Every structure is written in structure tokens, then in C-alpha cells.
Amino acid sequence: MVERRMELDRRYHRKEKMRKLKRKLIEAKGEARDKILAKIHALSPFWTEPKKA
């Protein structure tokens, strides 16, 4: 059960980190935006930015 708990903790932490990065990405411009995108792709390589309406 210990391994399962550690796995879940990592998953929850990743999800929270993604939420924070996505919030920052909305307001970011230029080089800061590129850095945030690099961090997002490090966590989730297949993530794509949603199209703007």
C-alpha cells in the first residue's frame, strides 16, 4: 500500500502543478511563455494548447 500511496501523491502533485502552469500560461508573453511551455511538456509531453475561440 505504501507504493500505491506514493504513486497517488506524485499524481496529485503533477495535476496541481499543471493547473498552476496553465494559469500562468494564459497571461505569459514572449520568453516567459516559452519557459512555461517547456515545463508543461516536461510533465506531459503530449499536451497541446487548446485553440482560442
N, C-alpha and C. Protein backbone atom coordinates (compact mmCIF):
# COMPACT_ATOMS: atom_id res chain seq x y z
N MET A 1 0.82 -1.21 0.00
CA MET A 1 0.00 0.00 0.00
C MET A 1 0.86 1.26 0.00
N VAL A 2 2.06 1.16 0.51
CA VAL A 2 2.94 2.32 0.57
C VAL A 2 3.28 2.81 -0.84
N GLU A 3 3.60 1.88 -1.74
CA GLU A 3 3.94 2.27 -3.10
C GLU A 3 2.76 2.95 -3.79
N ARG A 4 1.58 2.43 -3.56
CA ARG A 4 0.37 3.00 -4.16
C ARG A 4 0.16 4.42 -3.67
N ARG A 5 0.36 4.64 -2.38
CA ARG A 5 0.19 5.97 -1.81
C ARG A 5 1.19 6.95 -2.41
N MET A 6 2.44 6.50 -2.57
CA MET A 6 3.46 7.36 -3.16
C MET A 6 3.11 7.69 -4.60
N GLU A 7 2.61 6.70 -5.34
CA GLU A 7 2.20 6.92 -6.72
C GLU A 7 1.07 7.94 -6.80
N LEU A 8 0.10 7.81 -5.92
CA LEU A 8 -1.03 8.75 -5.91
C LEU A 8 -0.57 10.15 -5.54
N ASP A 9 0.31 10.26 -4.57
CA ASP A 9 0.83 11.57 -4.17
C ASP A 9 1.54 12.26 -5.34
N ARG A 10 2.35 11.49 -6.08
CA ARG A 10 3.03 12.06 -7.24
C ARG A 10 2.03 12.54 -8.28
N ARG A 11 1.00 11.73 -8.50
CA ARG A 11 -0.01 12.09 -9.50
C ARG A 11 -0.75 13.36 -9.10
N TYR A 12 -1.15 13.47 -7.83
CA TYR A 12 -1.87 14.66 -7.36
C TYR A 12 -0.98 15.90 -7.47
N HIS A 13 0.30 15.74 -7.15
CA HIS A 13 1.22 16.86 -7.22
C HIS A 13 1.38 17.33 -8.67
N ARG A 14 1.50 16.37 -9.60
CA ARG A 14 1.62 16.71 -11.02
C ARG A 14 0.39 17.46 -11.52
N LYS A 15 -0.79 17.00 -11.13
CA LYS A 15 -2.02 17.66 -11.57
C LYS A 15 -2.09 19.09 -11.05
N GLU A 16 -1.72 19.30 -9.79
CA GLU A 16 -1.75 20.64 -9.21
C GLU A 16 -0.74 21.54 -9.91
N LYS A 17 0.44 21.00 -10.19
CA LYS A 17 1.46 21.77 -10.87
C LYS A 17 1.01 22.17 -12.28
N MET A 18 0.34 21.25 -12.97
CA MET A 18 -0.18 21.56 -14.30
C MET A 18 -1.21 22.68 -14.24
N ARG A 19 -2.10 22.63 -13.25
CA ARG A 19 -3.10 23.69 -13.11
C ARG A 19 -2.43 25.04 -12.93
N LYS A 20 -1.40 25.10 -12.09
CA LYS A 20 -0.70 26.37 -11.85
C LYS A 20 -0.01 26.85 -13.12
N LEU A 21 0.65 25.94 -13.82
CA LEU A 21 1.34 26.34 -15.05
C LEU A 21 0.37 26.82 -16.11
N LYS A 22 -0.78 26.18 -16.24
CA LYS A 22 -1.77 26.59 -17.23
C LYS A 22 -2.32 27.98 -16.91
N ARG A 23 -2.52 28.28 -15.62
CA ARG A 23 -2.97 29.62 -15.23
C ARG A 23 -1.93 30.66 -15.60
N LYS A 24 -0.65 30.35 -15.35
CA LYS A 24 0.42 31.29 -15.69
C LYS A 24 0.56 31.46 -17.20
N LEU A 25 0.32 30.39 -17.95
CA LEU A 25 0.48 30.42 -19.40
C LEU A 25 -0.48 31.40 -20.05
N ILE A 26 -1.66 31.54 -19.50
CA ILE A 26 -2.67 32.43 -20.07
C ILE A 26 -2.17 33.87 -20.13
N GLU A 27 -1.46 34.30 -19.09
CA GLU A 27 -1.02 35.69 -19.00
C GLU A 27 0.40 35.91 -19.50
N ALA A 28 1.16 34.86 -19.74
CA ALA A 28 2.57 34.98 -20.08
C ALA A 28 2.77 35.46 -21.52
N LYS A 29 3.87 36.15 -21.74
CA LYS A 29 4.24 36.66 -23.05
C LYS A 29 5.71 36.34 -23.31
N GLY A 30 6.04 36.15 -24.57
CA GLY A 30 7.43 36.04 -25.01
C GLY A 30 8.21 34.89 -24.41
N GLU A 31 9.37 35.22 -23.87
CA GLU A 31 10.29 34.21 -23.35
C GLU A 31 9.72 33.48 -22.14
N ALA A 32 8.99 34.18 -21.30
CA ALA A 32 8.38 33.54 -20.13
C ALA A 32 7.38 32.46 -20.58
N ARG A 33 6.67 32.74 -21.65
CA ARG A 33 5.71 31.77 -22.19
C ARG A 33 6.42 30.51 -22.67
N ASP A 34 7.57 30.68 -23.33
CA ASP A 34 8.33 29.54 -23.81
C ASP A 34 8.83 28.67 -22.65
N LYS A 35 9.25 29.31 -21.57
CA LYS A 35 9.72 28.56 -20.41
C LYS A 35 8.59 27.76 -19.77
N ILE A 36 7.42 28.37 -19.68
CA ILE A 36 6.27 27.67 -19.09
C ILE A 36 5.87 26.50 -19.98
N LEU A 37 5.86 26.70 -21.29
CA LEU A 37 5.53 25.61 -22.21
C LEU A 37 6.53 24.46 -22.09
N ALA A 38 7.80 24.77 -21.89
CA ALA A 38 8.82 23.73 -21.72
C ALA A 38 8.55 22.92 -20.45
N LYS A 39 8.15 23.60 -19.39
CA LYS A 39 7.84 22.91 -18.13
C LYS A 39 6.61 22.02 -18.28
N ILE A 40 5.61 22.52 -18.98
CA ILE A 40 4.40 21.72 -19.21
C ILE A 40 4.74 20.48 -20.02
N HIS A 41 5.56 20.64 -21.06
CA HIS A 41 5.90 19.50 -21.90
C HIS A 41 6.80 18.50 -21.16
N ALA A 42 7.54 18.97 -20.18
CA ALA A 42 8.35 18.05 -19.37
C ALA A 42 7.44 17.16 -18.53
N LEU A 43 6.34 17.73 -18.05
CA LEU A 43 5.38 16.96 -17.24
C LEU A 43 4.49 16.08 -18.10
N SER A 44 4.06 16.63 -19.22
CA SER A 44 3.11 15.94 -20.07
C SER A 44 3.48 16.17 -21.54
N PRO A 45 4.32 15.30 -22.12
CA PRO A 45 4.85 15.54 -23.47
C PRO A 45 3.80 15.65 -24.57
N PHE A 46 2.65 15.04 -24.41
CA PHE A 46 1.67 15.04 -25.49
C PHE A 46 0.62 16.14 -25.34
N TRP A 47 0.79 17.01 -24.34
CA TRP A 47 -0.18 18.09 -24.11
C TRP A 47 -0.09 19.10 -25.25
N THR A 48 -1.26 19.54 -25.71
CA THR A 48 -1.30 20.59 -26.72
C THR A 48 -2.17 21.72 -26.20
N GLU A 49 -1.79 22.91 -26.57
CA GLU A 49 -2.53 24.08 -26.12
C GLU A 49 -3.88 24.14 -26.81
N PRO A 50 -4.96 24.39 -26.07
CA PRO A 50 -6.28 24.45 -26.69
C PRO A 50 -6.37 25.65 -27.63
N LYS A 51 -7.17 25.50 -28.68
CA LYS A 51 -7.37 26.58 -29.64
C LYS A 51 -8.16 27.71 -29.00
N LYS A 52 -7.80 28.95 -29.34
CA LYS A 52 -8.53 30.10 -28.84
C LYS A 52 -9.77 30.32 -29.67
N ALA A 53 -10.86 30.65 -29.00
CA ALA A 53 -12.14 30.84 -29.71
C ALA A 53 -12.22 32.19 -30.37
